[in-house]
Amino acid sequence: MADPAGNARLPGPVALLKSMFDAAVASALPEHCLAANLPSPPAGRTFVVGAGKASAAMARAFEAAWDGEPTGIVVTPYGHAALCERIAVREASHPVPDGAGADATQDMLEMLAEAGEDDLVVCLLSGGGSALLCAPETGLELADLQNVYRGLLRCGADIAAINRVRRKLACALGGGLARAAAPARVATLAISDVVGDDPAAIASGPTVADADTGRDALAILERYGVVTPPAVRGLLETSERCEPVACEGEYRIVANASQALAAAKAVARQAGYSVLELGEVAGEARDVAEAHARLAMAVLAGEHKVRAPCVILSGGETTVTVDGLGAQGRGGRNGEYLLALATALGGSANVWALAADTDGIDGSGDNAGAWFGPAVLRQAAAHGIDAADHLVRHDSYGFFGALERLIVTGPTRTNVNDFRAILIEPGQGDFT
């Protein structure tokens, strides 16, 4: 039987790594995790709203499992739509918002104004929702959000800090959807893409009260040197804490990184590998890669309690601070991590690695991530490709693309953040 994931065409160790990644993604697909987490039905109507990379697939899974006739709107990035019968699926830009996202958000808010106390509002959230729910706060234009969001994406701030700012600029975030839904009962089903599964951070908490003031958000912008439009500064300087959410209702995490890593770990152990799980990791991608390279070298040298054959497994979300040279390159945080890891290992024998985003898109490229084997630096040199130069220019896509080492899945319609795995074999490797 042909391998639908294409793993049979990969070198043996890489095929195992790819199977682990596939298992991690499968564990977080809405059709596998949503039905067991449905809220109790209402006496009245069921409204559905949602946003994120998984929201369309979540809406489809909800329709299949719900005993009733829901109505609603979800917004998802371009290319992530799924066919639904009753819930309208709208597509918009991510990670920099556009007018389609603002219009979809406004339509949601207007629909929720019709909900009454006997009705149920189900909010389907996943990573990416912060940029898609982008109707601006009063006094701001969409261009203000676009300018600030671009700056945040390039400054090296982690997702928690970015979302603390977004919650102050877009009216549906920071509890905005829940306030619009009152007095209806609200139930949130979320696929978490944030370290620690904080409901206020997932899609910037559309159904969760925001504890920050505008000055808290302004301090983040100033700390990272993000250029702040006058209208944004004026809003943040005068904004107190948001109006409280009268009833946040129930909130369920239906899938997260821990579940995904557990699924990957099971695949590795079934193949006879021990697993050193590092959990969810954050930080600058290059720094994380260097730390993981030191760990792999310790295992190779027999200086760690875990011995080969083994897999070093981690999730979470790293960041990339893009300097002036970053405009010359292309690639996301997983590619950056992987290129920095390969450089730090220096072509060590018996080490393979794969890093990819579970949503299928690493940064703004068309790949989920990439992989490498022990001879990657030697192979690159043979093709006249300088790994260090590509790293300086943040051009991981160009490096791994030239060596045909990209992992391309297309949109997975889920998102539990990054997947990183380093496989270490004893003895001599095959140097692929």
Protein backbone atom coordinates (compact mmCIF):
# COMPACT_ATOMS: atom_id res chain seq x y z
CA MET A 1 0.00 0.00 0.00
CA ALA A 2 1.30 3.44 -0.85
CA ASP A 3 2.13 5.69 2.09
CA PRO A 4 -0.32 8.63 1.89
CA ALA A 5 2.00 10.83 3.96
CA GLY A 6 4.96 10.12 1.68
CA ASN A 7 7.04 8.83 4.59
CA ALA A 8 8.20 5.74 2.73
CA ARG A 9 10.21 7.99 0.37
CA LEU A 10 12.17 9.52 3.25
CA PRO A 11 15.33 8.06 4.78
CA GLY A 12 14.51 5.64 7.60
CA PRO A 13 15.18 7.90 10.61
CA VAL A 14 13.43 10.83 8.92
CA ALA A 15 10.43 8.67 8.04
CA LEU A 16 10.08 7.91 11.75
CA LEU A 17 10.31 11.60 12.62
CA LYS A 18 7.69 12.42 10.00
CA SER A 19 5.40 9.68 11.36
CA MET A 20 5.72 11.25 14.80
CA PHE A 21 4.79 14.65 13.38
CA ASP A 22 1.82 13.14 11.52
CA ALA A 23 0.60 11.53 14.75
CA ALA A 24 0.93 14.82 16.63
CA VAL A 25 -1.16 16.63 14.02
CA ALA A 26 -3.77 13.86 13.82
CA SER A 27 -4.33 13.99 17.59
CA ALA A 28 -5.35 17.65 17.30
CA LEU A 29 -7.66 17.46 14.29
CA PRO A 30 -11.16 18.75 15.14
CA GLU A 31 -12.84 15.58 13.89
CA HIS A 32 -10.84 13.64 16.49
CA CYS A 33 -11.22 15.90 19.53
CA LEU A 34 -14.34 18.08 19.32
CA ALA A 35 -17.31 15.72 19.68
CA ALA A 36 -16.34 14.59 23.18
CA ASN A 37 -16.36 18.19 24.44
CA LEU A 38 -19.77 19.51 23.37
CA PRO A 39 -21.77 21.69 25.78
CA SER A 40 -25.30 20.83 26.87
CA PRO A 41 -27.99 21.98 24.41
CA PRO A 42 -29.99 25.14 25.09
CA ALA A 43 -33.70 25.69 25.47
CA GLY A 44 -33.46 28.18 22.62
CA ARG A 45 -31.25 28.67 19.59
CA THR A 46 -27.60 27.75 19.01
CA PHE A 47 -25.29 30.40 17.57
CA VAL A 48 -21.74 29.53 16.50
CA VAL A 49 -18.89 32.00 16.12
CA GLY A 50 -15.19 31.34 15.82
CA ALA A 51 -11.83 32.24 14.42
CA GLY A 52 -8.49 30.63 13.71
CA LYS A 53 -6.67 28.21 11.49
CA ALA A 54 -8.84 25.35 12.72
CA SER A 55 -12.14 27.21 12.99
CA ALA A 56 -13.66 26.01 9.71
CA ALA A 57 -12.79 22.38 10.44
CA MET A 58 -14.08 22.86 13.99
CA ALA A 59 -17.35 24.22 12.59
CA ARG A 60 -17.69 21.22 10.29
CA ALA A 61 -17.00 18.81 13.18
CA PHE A 62 -19.48 20.69 15.37
CA GLU A 63 -22.23 20.43 12.75
CA ALA A 64 -21.59 16.69 12.42
CA ALA A 65 -21.82 16.11 16.17
CA TRP A 66 -24.53 18.62 17.20
CA ASP A 67 -28.12 17.47 17.52
CA GLY A 68 -29.82 20.58 16.20
CA GLU A 69 -29.64 23.31 13.61
CA PRO A 70 -26.95 25.83 14.54
CA THR A 71 -26.40 29.07 12.73
CA GLY A 72 -23.25 31.12 12.75
CA ILE A 73 -20.09 32.58 11.25
CA VAL A 74 -16.45 31.56 11.58
CA VAL A 75 -13.44 33.20 9.99
CA THR A 76 -10.30 31.34 8.95
CA PRO A 77 -7.16 32.20 6.93
CA TYR A 78 -7.26 32.05 3.16
CA GLY A 79 -6.88 28.44 2.05
CA HIS A 80 -8.17 26.97 5.34
CA ALA A 81 -11.89 26.79 4.55
CA ALA A 82 -13.96 23.63 5.07
CA LEU A 83 -17.43 22.89 3.73
CA CYS A 84 -20.22 23.48 6.26
CA GLU A 85 -23.98 23.23 5.76
CA ARG A 86 -25.32 25.89 8.15
CA ILE A 87 -22.34 27.78 9.54
CA ALA A 88 -20.92 30.40 7.18
CA VAL A 89 -17.17 30.10 6.64
CA ARG A 90 -15.38 33.34 5.79
CA GLU A 91 -11.73 33.63 4.79
CA ALA A 92 -9.39 36.51 5.62
CA SER A 93 -5.74 37.47 5.89
CA HIS A 94 -3.33 36.16 8.53
CA PRO A 95 -1.10 37.18 10.30
CA VAL A 96 -1.60 40.77 9.10
CA PRO A 97 -5.37 41.46 9.07
CA ASP A 98 -7.42 42.74 6.16
CA GLY A 99 -10.86 44.12 5.45
CA ALA A 100 -12.38 40.67 4.99
CA GLY A 101 -11.49 39.79 8.57
CA ALA A 102 -12.84 43.10 9.89
CA ASP A 103 -16.12 42.61 8.00
CA ALA A 104 -16.53 39.03 9.21
CA THR A 105 -15.92 40.12 12.80
CA GLN A 106 -18.47 42.91 12.54
CA ASP A 107 -21.03 40.47 11.13
CA MET A 108 -20.43 38.14 14.09
CA LEU A 109 -20.97 40.95 16.58
CA GLU A 110 -24.21 41.98 14.87
CA MET A 111 -25.46 38.38 14.87
CA LEU A 112 -24.64 37.95 18.57
CA ALA A 113 -26.73 41.02 19.40
CA GLU A 114 -29.77 38.86 18.52
CA ALA A 115 -28.96 36.17 21.13
CA GLY A 116 -31.26 35.91 24.15
CA GLU A 117 -31.05 34.37 27.60
CA ASP A 118 -32.41 31.00 26.42
CA ASP A 119 -29.84 30.77 23.62
CA LEU A 120 -26.37 29.20 23.49
CA VAL A 121 -23.35 30.81 21.85
CA VAL A 122 -20.59 28.34 21.00
CA CYS A 123 -17.23 29.97 20.32
CA LEU A 124 -14.73 27.86 18.33
CA LEU A 125 -11.20 29.18 18.77
CA SER A 126 -7.74 28.22 17.60
CA GLY A 127 -4.40 29.79 16.84
CA GLY A 128 -4.60 32.60 14.32
CA GLY A 129 -7.85 33.97 15.69
CA SER A 130 -6.20 37.11 17.06
CA ALA A 131 -5.41 38.44 13.59
CA LEU A 132 -8.71 37.35 12.06
CA LEU A 133 -11.00 38.96 14.65
CA CYS A 134 -9.77 42.39 13.63
CA ALA A 135 -12.65 44.86 13.73
CA PRO A 136 -10.86 47.87 15.26
CA GLU A 137 -11.78 49.53 18.54
CA THR A 138 -13.64 52.83 18.24
CA GLY A 139 -11.27 55.56 17.10
CA LEU A 140 -8.93 53.24 15.22
CA GLU A 141 -8.69 52.34 11.55
CA LEU A 142 -7.78 48.91 10.18
CA ALA A 143 -4.51 50.42 8.92
CA ASP A 144 -3.57 51.19 12.52
CA LEU A 145 -3.90 47.53 13.45
CA GLN A 146 -2.01 46.42 10.37
CA ASN A 147 0.94 48.69 11.14
CA VAL A 148 1.17 47.62 14.77
CA TYR A 149 0.74 43.92 13.99
CA ARG A 150 3.54 44.03 11.40
CA GLY A 151 5.87 45.61 13.92
CA LEU A 152 4.99 43.06 16.60
CA LEU A 153 5.65 40.15 14.25
CA ARG A 154 9.18 41.34 13.53
CA CYS A 155 10.30 42.58 16.94
CA GLY A 156 10.98 39.26 18.69
CA ALA A 157 8.13 39.52 21.21
CA ASP A 158 6.56 36.23 22.26
CA ILE A 159 2.95 35.45 21.44
CA ALA A 160 1.74 36.26 24.96
CA ALA A 161 3.06 39.82 24.71
CA ILE A 162 1.74 40.24 21.16
CA ASN A 163 -1.74 39.16 22.19
CA ARG A 164 -1.77 41.49 25.19
CA VAL A 165 -1.49 44.34 22.70
CA ARG A 166 -3.99 42.90 20.23
CA ARG A 167 -6.63 42.60 22.96
CA LYS A 168 -6.61 46.37 23.34
CA LEU A 169 -6.89 47.21 19.65
CA ALA A 170 -9.61 44.88 18.30
CA CYS A 171 -13.10 45.11 19.79
CA ALA A 172 -13.95 41.37 19.66
CA LEU A 173 -10.87 40.36 21.66
CA GLY A 174 -10.36 40.47 25.41
CA GLY A 175 -13.92 39.32 26.12
CA GLY A 176 -15.53 41.24 23.27
CA LEU A 177 -17.46 38.31 21.84
CA ALA A 178 -18.78 37.28 25.24
CA ARG A 179 -19.94 40.82 25.99
CA ALA A 180 -21.74 40.93 22.64
CA ALA A 181 -23.40 37.57 23.36
CA ALA A 182 -24.91 38.55 26.73
CA PRO A 183 -27.32 37.47 28.12
CA ALA A 184 -26.92 34.17 26.23
CA ARG A 185 -24.97 31.25 27.70
CA VAL A 186 -21.45 31.04 26.22
CA ALA A 187 -19.42 27.86 25.72
CA THR A 188 -15.89 28.09 24.31
CA LEU A 189 -14.14 25.15 22.66
CA ALA A 190 -10.49 25.87 21.97
CA ILE A 191 -7.54 24.21 20.31
CA SER A 192 -4.61 25.73 22.16
CA ASP A 193 -1.52 27.06 20.42
CA VAL A 194 -0.07 28.84 23.44
CA VAL A 195 2.35 27.61 26.09
CA GLY A 196 0.40 26.92 29.27
CA ASP A 197 -3.04 26.98 27.58
CA ASP A 198 -4.00 30.38 29.04
CA PRO A 199 -7.55 31.12 27.80
CA ALA A 200 -6.78 34.85 27.76
CA ALA A 201 -3.95 34.22 25.29
CA ILE A 202 -5.62 31.72 22.93
CA ALA A 203 -6.87 33.87 20.02
CA SER A 204 -6.47 36.79 22.46
CA GLY A 205 -9.37 35.67 24.63
CA PRO A 206 -12.58 36.71 22.82
CA THR A 207 -14.64 35.21 25.64
CA VAL A 208 -12.29 35.97 28.55
CA ALA A 209 -12.01 39.20 30.55
CA ASP A 210 -8.84 41.23 29.90
CA ALA A 211 -6.99 42.22 33.06
CA ASP A 212 -4.64 44.70 31.35
CA THR A 213 -4.98 48.44 30.95
CA GLY A 214 -4.06 50.30 27.78
CA ARG A 215 -0.84 51.46 29.43
CA ASP A 216 0.20 47.82 29.94
CA ALA A 217 -0.07 47.29 26.18
CA LEU A 218 1.72 50.56 25.45
CA ALA A 219 4.61 49.48 27.66
CA ILE A 220 5.01 46.33 25.53
CA LEU A 221 5.13 48.37 22.32
CA GLU A 222 7.74 50.68 23.82
CA ARG A 223 9.83 47.81 25.21
CA TYR A 224 10.16 46.25 21.75
CA GLY A 225 10.51 49.51 19.86
CA VAL A 226 7.35 49.03 17.81
CA VAL A 227 6.35 52.19 15.96
CA THR A 228 2.96 53.24 17.35
CA PRO A 229 0.48 55.27 15.24
CA PRO A 230 -0.87 58.38 17.02
CA ALA A 231 -4.41 57.02 17.20
CA VAL A 232 -3.18 53.81 18.84
CA ARG A 233 -1.07 55.70 21.35
CA GLY A 234 -3.99 57.98 22.18
CA LEU A 235 -6.31 55.02 22.75
CA LEU A 236 -3.84 53.13 24.93
CA GLU A 237 -2.93 56.13 27.03
CA THR A 238 -6.56 56.64 28.03
CA SER A 239 -7.84 53.05 28.08
CA GLU A 240 -8.56 51.47 31.44
CA ARG A 241 -9.37 47.82 31.94
CA CYS A 242 -12.02 46.44 29.63
CA GLU A 243 -15.60 46.21 30.72
CA PRO A 244 -15.85 42.92 32.63
CA VAL A 245 -17.38 39.87 31.01
CA ALA A 246 -20.65 39.21 32.83
CA CYS A 247 -20.44 35.46 32.36
CA GLU A 248 -17.52 33.77 30.68
CA GLY A 249 -19.45 30.49 30.72
CA GLU A 250 -17.63 27.23 30.22
CA TYR A 251 -14.25 26.99 28.55
CA ARG A 252 -12.80 23.70 27.31
CA ILE A 253 -9.40 23.00 25.79
CA VAL A 254 -10.15 20.22 23.29
CA ALA A 255 -6.57 19.79 22.02
CA ASN A 256 -3.15 21.12 22.97
CA ALA A 257 0.58 20.56 22.62
CA SER A 258 0.74 18.07 25.49
CA GLN A 259 -1.69 15.74 23.74
CA ALA A 260 0.20 16.11 20.47
CA LEU A 261 3.57 15.33 22.06
CA ALA A 262 2.06 12.31 23.80
CA ALA A 263 0.88 10.96 20.44
CA ALA A 264 4.34 11.48 18.93
CA LYS A 265 6.03 9.88 21.92
CA ALA A 266 3.89 6.76 21.51
CA VAL A 267 5.08 6.37 17.90
CA ALA A 268 8.73 6.66 18.93
CA ARG A 269 8.42 4.18 21.76
CA GLN A 270 6.61 1.70 19.56
CA ALA A 271 9.60 1.90 17.21
CA GLY A 272 11.96 1.06 20.08
CA TYR A 273 13.30 4.53 20.92
CA SER A 274 13.54 6.09 24.33
CA VAL A 275 12.13 9.63 24.50
CA LEU A 276 13.51 12.66 26.28
CA GLU A 277 10.54 15.03 26.33
CA LEU A 278 11.36 18.68 27.02
CA GLY A 279 7.74 19.82 26.98
CA GLU A 280 6.73 23.22 25.66
CA VAL A 281 9.72 25.43 24.96
CA ALA A 282 9.81 29.16 24.24
CA GLY A 283 12.62 31.59 23.46
CA GLU A 284 14.64 32.85 20.50
CA ALA A 285 14.79 30.05 17.91
CA ARG A 286 18.59 30.17 17.59
CA ASP A 287 19.12 30.07 21.35
CA VAL A 288 16.79 27.11 21.73
CA ALA A 289 18.58 25.32 18.89
CA GLU A 290 21.99 25.82 20.47
CA ALA A 291 20.74 24.48 23.81
CA HIS A 292 19.25 21.42 22.08
CA ALA A 293 22.48 20.85 20.14
CA ARG A 294 24.43 20.74 23.42
CA LEU A 295 21.93 18.24 24.77
CA ALA A 296 22.24 16.03 21.67
CA MET A 297 26.03 16.15 21.89
CA ALA A 298 25.86 15.08 25.53
CA VAL A 299 23.73 12.08 24.55
CA LEU A 300 26.18 11.20 21.77
CA ALA A 301 29.09 11.39 24.20
CA GLY A 302 27.34 9.16 26.74
CA GLU A 303 27.22 12.03 29.22
CA HIS A 304 23.43 12.03 29.66
CA LYS A 305 21.19 9.56 31.46
CA VAL A 306 19.25 9.03 28.23
CA ARG A 307 21.16 6.91 25.74
CA ALA A 308 20.82 6.30 22.01
CA PRO A 309 18.69 5.25 20.27
CA CYS A 310 16.53 8.07 21.47
CA VAL A 311 14.41 11.02 20.41
CA ILE A 312 14.57 14.48 21.99
CA LEU A 313 11.06 15.85 21.68
CA SER A 314 9.67 19.35 22.30
CA GLY A 315 6.79 21.64 21.45
CA GLY A 316 5.84 25.20 22.29
CA GLU A 317 6.67 28.27 20.25
CA THR A 318 9.95 30.01 19.62
CA THR A 319 10.44 33.52 18.26
CA VAL A 320 12.65 35.07 15.59
CA THR A 321 13.94 38.61 15.90
CA VAL A 322 14.36 39.88 12.35
CA ASP A 323 17.08 42.48 11.80
CA GLY A 324 17.81 44.45 8.64
CA LEU A 325 19.22 41.39 6.91
CA GLY A 326 15.99 39.49 7.48
CA ALA A 327 14.41 41.15 4.46
CA GLN A 328 16.84 39.18 2.29
CA GLY A 329 15.64 35.79 3.43
CA ARG A 330 12.55 33.64 3.76
CA GLY A 331 11.55 31.18 6.44
CA GLY A 332 9.73 30.68 9.71
CA ARG A 333 10.74 29.94 13.27
CA ASN A 334 10.93 26.17 12.73
CA GLY A 335 13.25 26.52 9.75
CA GLU A 336 15.36 29.03 11.69
CA TYR A 337 15.60 26.62 14.63
CA LEU A 338 16.54 23.74 12.36
CA LEU A 339 19.22 25.65 10.47
CA ALA A 340 20.71 26.92 13.73
CA LEU A 341 20.62 23.36 15.10
CA ALA A 342 22.41 21.93 12.06
CA THR A 343 25.05 24.65 12.28
CA ALA A 344 25.59 24.09 16.00
CA LEU A 345 25.90 20.31 15.54
CA GLY A 346 28.47 20.83 12.79
CA GLY A 347 27.46 17.68 10.89
CA SER A 348 27.60 15.30 13.86
CA ALA A 349 27.11 11.70 12.79
CA ASN A 350 23.99 9.82 13.80
CA VAL A 351 21.77 12.87 14.38
CA TRP A 352 18.62 13.62 12.38
CA ALA A 353 16.09 16.31 13.13
CA LEU A 354 12.69 17.59 12.01
CA ALA A 355 10.97 20.82 13.02
CA ALA A 356 7.57 21.89 11.71
CA ASP A 357 4.48 23.86 12.62
CA THR A 358 1.42 21.71 13.26
CA ASP A 359 -0.73 24.17 11.29
CA GLY A 360 1.20 23.28 8.12
CA ILE A 361 2.65 26.76 7.58
CA ASP A 362 6.04 27.82 8.94
CA GLY A 363 6.10 31.61 8.88
CA SER A 364 4.84 32.91 5.56
CA GLY A 365 6.14 30.07 3.40
CA ASP A 366 4.31 27.15 1.82
CA ASN A 367 6.07 24.58 3.98
CA ALA A 368 5.33 23.25 7.44
CA GLY A 369 9.03 22.97 8.25
CA ALA A 370 12.06 20.95 7.21
CA TRP A 371 14.41 18.13 8.16
CA PHE A 372 18.09 17.26 7.99
CA GLY A 373 20.46 14.32 8.42
CA PRO A 374 24.09 14.04 9.56
CA ALA A 375 25.66 15.10 6.25
CA VAL A 376 23.54 18.20 5.64
CA LEU A 377 26.40 20.72 5.96
CA ARG A 378 28.66 18.66 3.71
CA GLN A 379 25.90 18.33 1.12
CA ALA A 380 25.24 22.06 1.28
CA ALA A 381 28.92 22.86 0.76
CA ALA A 382 29.01 20.54 -2.23
CA HIS A 383 26.26 22.66 -3.79
CA GLY A 384 27.98 25.91 -2.92
CA ILE A 385 25.46 26.71 -0.17
CA ASP A 386 26.77 28.47 2.94
CA ALA A 387 24.69 27.53 5.99
CA ALA A 388 26.07 30.36 8.13
CA ASP A 389 25.23 32.94 5.48
CA HIS A 390 21.66 31.65 5.17
CA LEU A 391 21.28 31.81 8.95
CA VAL A 392 22.48 35.41 9.11
CA ARG A 393 19.94 36.33 6.41
CA HIS A 394 17.11 34.36 8.10
CA ASP A 395 16.84 32.33 4.90
CA SER A 396 16.13 28.84 6.19
CA TYR A 397 13.60 28.27 3.40
CA GLY A 398 16.24 28.94 0.75
CA PHE A 399 18.72 26.62 2.46
CA PHE A 400 16.47 23.60 2.96
CA GLY A 401 14.59 24.18 -0.28
CA ALA A 402 17.80 24.00 -2.30
CA LEU A 403 18.59 20.65 -0.64
CA GLU A 404 15.03 19.31 -1.08
CA ARG A 405 14.58 19.02 2.66
CA LEU A 406 11.34 20.96 3.10
CA ILE A 407 8.27 19.36 4.72
CA VAL A 408 5.17 20.41 2.77
CA THR A 409 1.75 19.37 4.08
CA GLY A 410 -0.54 22.25 3.13
CA PRO A 411 -2.90 23.69 5.76
CA THR A 412 -3.68 21.01 8.37
CA ARG A 413 -6.70 22.94 9.76
CA THR A 414 -5.48 22.58 13.31
CA ASN A 415 -2.80 24.33 15.34
CA VAL A 416 -1.10 23.16 18.54
CA ASN A 417 2.08 25.03 17.74
CA ASP A 418 5.58 23.83 16.95
CA PHE A 419 6.83 20.26 16.77
CA ARG A 420 10.55 19.56 17.16
CA ALA A 421 12.24 16.17 17.26
CA ILE A 422 15.92 15.18 17.25
CA LEU A 423 16.65 11.51 16.59
CA ILE A 424 19.97 10.06 17.75
CA GLU A 425 21.14 6.64 16.57
CA PRO A 426 24.04 4.62 18.02
CA GLY A 427 26.85 3.53 15.72
CA GLN A 428 27.39 4.77 12.17
CA GLY A 429 24.64 6.66 10.37
CA ASP A 430 23.71 6.59 6.72
CA PHE A 431 24.65 10.29 6.33
CA THR A 432 21.57 11.34 4.36
